[in-house]
Protein backbone atom coordinates (compact mmCIF):
# COMPACT_ATOMS: atom_id res chain seq x y z
CA MET A 1 0.00 0.00 0.00
CA LYS A 2 2.83 2.41 0.84
CA MET A 3 4.43 1.74 -2.53
CA ARG A 4 1.23 2.72 -4.36
CA THR A 5 0.95 5.91 -2.37
CA ILE A 6 4.57 6.83 -3.07
CA LEU A 7 4.10 6.07 -6.76
CA PHE A 8 0.91 8.15 -6.87
CA VAL A 9 2.63 11.11 -5.18
CA LEU A 10 5.59 10.91 -7.57
CA CYS A 11 3.30 10.80 -10.60
CA PHE A 12 1.36 13.77 -9.24
CA ILE A 13 4.55 15.79 -8.74
CA VAL A 14 5.85 14.99 -12.21
CA MET A 15 2.53 15.86 -13.82
CA ASN A 16 2.30 19.18 -11.97
CA ASN A 17 5.86 20.15 -12.83
CA GLY A 18 5.25 19.39 -16.49
CA SER A 19 2.17 21.58 -16.58
CA ALA A 20 3.98 24.36 -14.73
CA PHE A 21 6.65 24.44 -17.42
CA SER A 22 4.13 24.58 -20.23
CA GLN A 23 1.98 27.36 -18.73
CA GLY A 24 4.31 30.04 -20.08
CA GLU A 25 4.13 28.70 -23.62
CA THR A 26 1.36 29.23 -26.11
CA HIS A 27 0.02 26.21 -27.92
CA THR A 28 -2.49 28.01 -30.11
CA VAL A 29 -1.95 27.44 -33.81
CA LEU A 30 -3.49 30.06 -36.07
CA PHE A 31 -4.08 29.71 -39.78
CA ALA A 32 -4.11 32.54 -42.27
CA GLN A 33 -4.90 32.40 -45.95
CA CYS A 34 -5.51 34.82 -48.76
CA HIS A 35 -5.25 35.55 -52.45
CA PHE A 36 -2.28 37.59 -53.62
CA SER A 37 -1.07 39.05 -56.89
CA ILE A 38 2.60 38.41 -57.58
CA PRO A 39 3.59 38.61 -61.26
CA ASN A 40 6.52 36.19 -61.32
CA VAL A 41 7.55 32.96 -59.65
CA SER A 42 10.98 34.15 -58.50
CA ASP A 43 9.51 37.06 -56.51
CA MET A 44 6.96 34.71 -54.98
CA LEU A 45 9.64 32.18 -53.96
CA ILE A 46 11.73 34.90 -52.32
CA LEU A 47 8.68 36.15 -50.44
CA GLU A 48 7.81 32.60 -49.36
CA GLU A 49 11.32 32.17 -47.88
CA ASN A 50 11.04 35.53 -46.10
CA ILE A 51 7.72 34.54 -44.52
CA LYS A 52 9.17 31.14 -43.52
CA ALA A 53 11.98 32.99 -41.73
CA LEU A 54 9.52 34.85 -39.49
CA PRO A 55 9.61 33.49 -35.92
CA SER A 56 5.80 33.27 -35.82
CA SER A 57 5.38 31.16 -38.97
CA THR A 58 5.71 27.39 -39.05
CA ILE A 59 4.19 26.26 -42.36
CA VAL A 60 4.11 28.57 -45.37
CA ARG A 61 2.60 27.65 -48.73
CA LEU A 62 2.39 30.16 -51.56
CA ASP A 63 1.01 28.82 -54.83
CA PHE A 64 1.83 30.77 -57.96
CA ASN A 65 -0.83 29.21 -60.20
CA SER A 66 -3.75 29.89 -57.86
CA GLN A 67 -2.13 32.99 -56.29
CA ARG A 68 -3.16 31.59 -52.92
CA ALA A 69 -1.30 31.65 -49.59
CA PHE A 70 -1.82 29.36 -46.61
CA ILE A 71 0.20 29.84 -43.42
CA LEU A 72 0.22 28.20 -39.99
CA THR A 73 1.67 30.08 -37.03
CA LYS A 74 3.47 29.25 -33.83
CA GLY A 75 4.05 31.12 -30.60
CA ILE A 76 1.34 33.76 -31.09
CA ASP A 77 -2.22 33.93 -29.83
CA THR A 78 -3.50 36.64 -32.16
CA LEU A 79 -2.81 37.83 -35.68
CA SER A 80 -4.38 40.95 -37.15
CA THR A 81 -5.12 41.42 -40.82
CA ASN A 82 -2.68 44.35 -40.89
CA GLU A 83 0.13 42.27 -39.38
CA PHE A 84 -0.59 39.40 -41.76
CA SER A 85 -0.62 41.80 -44.71
CA SER A 86 2.76 43.18 -43.67
CA TRP A 87 4.27 39.70 -44.10
CA PHE A 88 3.73 40.17 -47.86
CA GLU A 89 6.15 43.10 -47.92
CA ASN A 90 5.94 44.96 -51.28
CA TYR A 91 2.92 42.87 -52.24
CA SER A 92 0.88 43.60 -49.09
CA GLU A 93 -1.48 45.84 -51.05
CA THR A 94 -2.29 42.99 -53.45
CA ILE A 95 -3.74 40.55 -50.92
CA SER A 96 -7.46 39.93 -50.68
CA CYS A 97 -9.89 37.40 -49.22
CA VAL A 98 -7.95 37.26 -45.96
CA GLN A 99 -9.09 34.66 -43.47
CA ILE A 100 -7.45 34.23 -40.07
CA GLY A 101 -8.60 31.69 -37.52
CA ILE A 102 -7.66 29.13 -34.90
CA LYS A 103 -6.65 25.78 -36.37
CA GLY A 104 -8.97 23.03 -35.20
CA ILE A 105 -11.67 25.46 -34.07
CA ASP A 106 -12.45 27.80 -36.96
CA GLN A 107 -13.46 26.42 -40.32
CA ILE A 108 -10.95 27.01 -43.11
CA ALA A 109 -12.59 28.44 -46.22
CA LYS A 110 -12.18 26.15 -49.19
CA TYR A 111 -10.51 27.26 -52.40
CA PRO A 112 -11.60 28.96 -54.57
CA PHE A 113 -12.64 31.67 -52.16
CA GLU A 114 -16.06 32.99 -53.03
CA ASN A 115 -17.97 35.99 -51.76
CA CYS A 116 -15.07 37.27 -49.71
CA ASN A 117 -15.40 40.79 -48.36
CA ASN A 118 -11.79 41.80 -47.87
């Protein structure tokens, strides 16, 4: 009986320490997608690498043929449309149909985007 109690207490301590370490970290994953207008593949590939280098991006997909972007984030709890637009540098004024949401909670609009307001 003592052994079970000791084991239970040890498990409890380990579980509480693990959760204490993770409380300071954010585990929210946001998605952001949009249409863009970039006239050549080389500019788009450079931009894609620049967005991948951002500390808050984890997966970045820019598709030249559909002119569509899809990005997953890490380490942030919120993302404004203005901040997202700024990631597109010189092409920030060309983006439209922006959708930002929480992965696993918000529904991701299917391509092609229809009836978008922004």
